[in-house]
Amino acid sequence: MSQEFISDQKLKDIQERCEATTPGPWKSYIEGRDHVAGSDFIMTGTETNRGEDIELSGATKSDHDFIASAKQNIPLLINEIRRLKNAL
């Protein structure tokens, strides 16, 4: 199996896609776990500056949690990759 490395351009493309999304933070709300009535959704923005909720069709609870956390995790991962690349 060949190893694939993330180029600087690929990191830039990933960062641009992340930055083009609805402003965060994003938080997953699952009926029965995070609220008592309504559907599962992803809240965007803050309590005082909310964006549109994201509703997913066919997504599992784990899918909701993963997608919501990606908004915060992807920038962290990009920064860590860049830090490690610079350390080399």
Protein backbone atom coordinates (compact mmCIF):
# COMPACT_ATOMS: atom_id res chain seq x y z
CA MET A 1 0.00 0.00 0.00
CA SER A 2 1.45 3.36 -0.97
CA GLN A 3 1.46 6.21 1.50
CA GLU A 4 -0.39 9.37 0.58
CA PHE A 5 0.82 12.64 2.04
CA ILE A 6 -1.22 15.78 2.46
CA SER A 7 0.24 18.52 0.32
CA ASP A 8 0.12 22.18 1.34
CA GLN A 9 -2.41 22.74 -1.45
CA LYS A 10 -4.63 19.90 -0.19
CA LEU A 11 -4.55 21.38 3.33
CA LYS A 12 -5.45 24.78 1.90
CA ASP A 13 -8.38 23.25 -0.05
CA ILE A 14 -9.68 21.47 3.08
CA GLN A 15 -9.38 24.68 5.12
CA GLU A 16 -11.21 26.73 2.46
CA ARG A 17 -14.08 24.21 2.34
CA CYS A 18 -14.36 24.33 6.14
CA GLU A 19 -14.26 28.13 6.23
CA ALA A 20 -16.97 28.34 3.53
CA THR A 21 -19.50 26.53 5.74
CA THR A 22 -22.02 28.13 8.07
CA PRO A 23 -20.25 29.83 11.00
CA GLY A 24 -19.81 27.74 14.12
CA PRO A 25 -19.61 26.39 16.58
CA TRP A 26 -21.81 23.49 15.54
CA LYS A 27 -23.49 21.30 18.14
CA SER A 28 -25.44 18.10 17.65
CA TYR A 29 -28.84 17.92 19.36
CA ILE A 30 -30.33 14.44 19.55
CA GLU A 31 -33.94 13.95 20.64
CA GLY A 32 -34.06 12.10 23.96
CA ARG A 33 -30.42 12.84 24.70
CA ASP A 34 -30.12 16.62 24.33
CA HIS A 35 -33.75 17.73 24.16
CA VAL A 36 -37.16 16.17 24.78
CA ALA A 37 -39.21 16.91 21.68
CA GLY A 38 -38.60 17.48 17.99
CA SER A 39 -36.13 16.07 15.53
CA ASP A 40 -32.38 15.54 15.66
CA PHE A 41 -30.50 18.55 14.26
CA ILE A 42 -27.20 20.42 14.28
CA MET A 43 -27.33 23.89 15.82
CA THR A 44 -25.00 26.40 14.18
CA GLY A 45 -23.63 29.51 15.81
CA THR A 46 -23.91 30.44 19.45
CA GLU A 47 -26.93 30.67 21.72
CA THR A 48 -26.98 34.46 21.20
CA ASN A 49 -26.01 34.44 17.49
CA ARG A 50 -27.68 31.38 15.98
CA GLY A 51 -27.48 30.38 12.36
CA GLU A 52 -29.84 28.08 10.55
CA ASP A 53 -30.21 24.60 12.03
CA ILE A 54 -28.96 21.74 9.87
CA GLU A 55 -31.29 18.79 9.55
CA LEU A 56 -30.01 15.58 8.03
CA SER A 57 -32.04 12.87 6.38
CA GLY A 58 -30.96 9.28 6.99
CA ALA A 59 -28.17 10.18 9.42
CA THR A 60 -27.50 8.17 12.55
CA LYS A 61 -26.92 9.81 15.91
CA SER A 62 -23.19 9.13 15.45
CA ASP A 63 -23.31 10.80 12.01
CA HIS A 64 -24.87 13.90 13.59
CA ASP A 65 -22.20 14.01 16.30
CA PHE A 66 -19.38 13.48 13.79
CA ILE A 67 -20.56 16.14 11.32
CA ALA A 68 -21.18 18.70 14.08
CA SER A 69 -17.78 18.09 15.68
CA ALA A 70 -15.99 18.29 12.31
CA LYS A 71 -16.64 22.06 12.20
CA GLN A 72 -14.45 22.47 15.29
CA ASN A 73 -12.08 19.52 14.76
CA ILE A 74 -10.96 20.13 11.17
CA PRO A 75 -9.30 23.50 11.91
CA LEU A 76 -7.52 21.92 14.90
CA LEU A 77 -6.26 19.05 12.77
CA ILE A 78 -5.09 21.38 9.99
CA ASN A 79 -3.16 23.48 12.51
CA GLU A 80 -1.56 20.38 14.03
CA ILE A 81 -0.55 19.02 10.62
CA ARG A 82 1.02 22.36 9.72
CA ARG A 83 2.82 22.49 13.08
CA LEU A 84 4.21 18.99 12.58
CA LYS A 85 5.23 19.74 8.98
CA ASN A 86 7.09 22.84 10.16
CA ALA A 87 8.82 20.82 12.87
CA LEU A 88 10.25 18.48 10.21
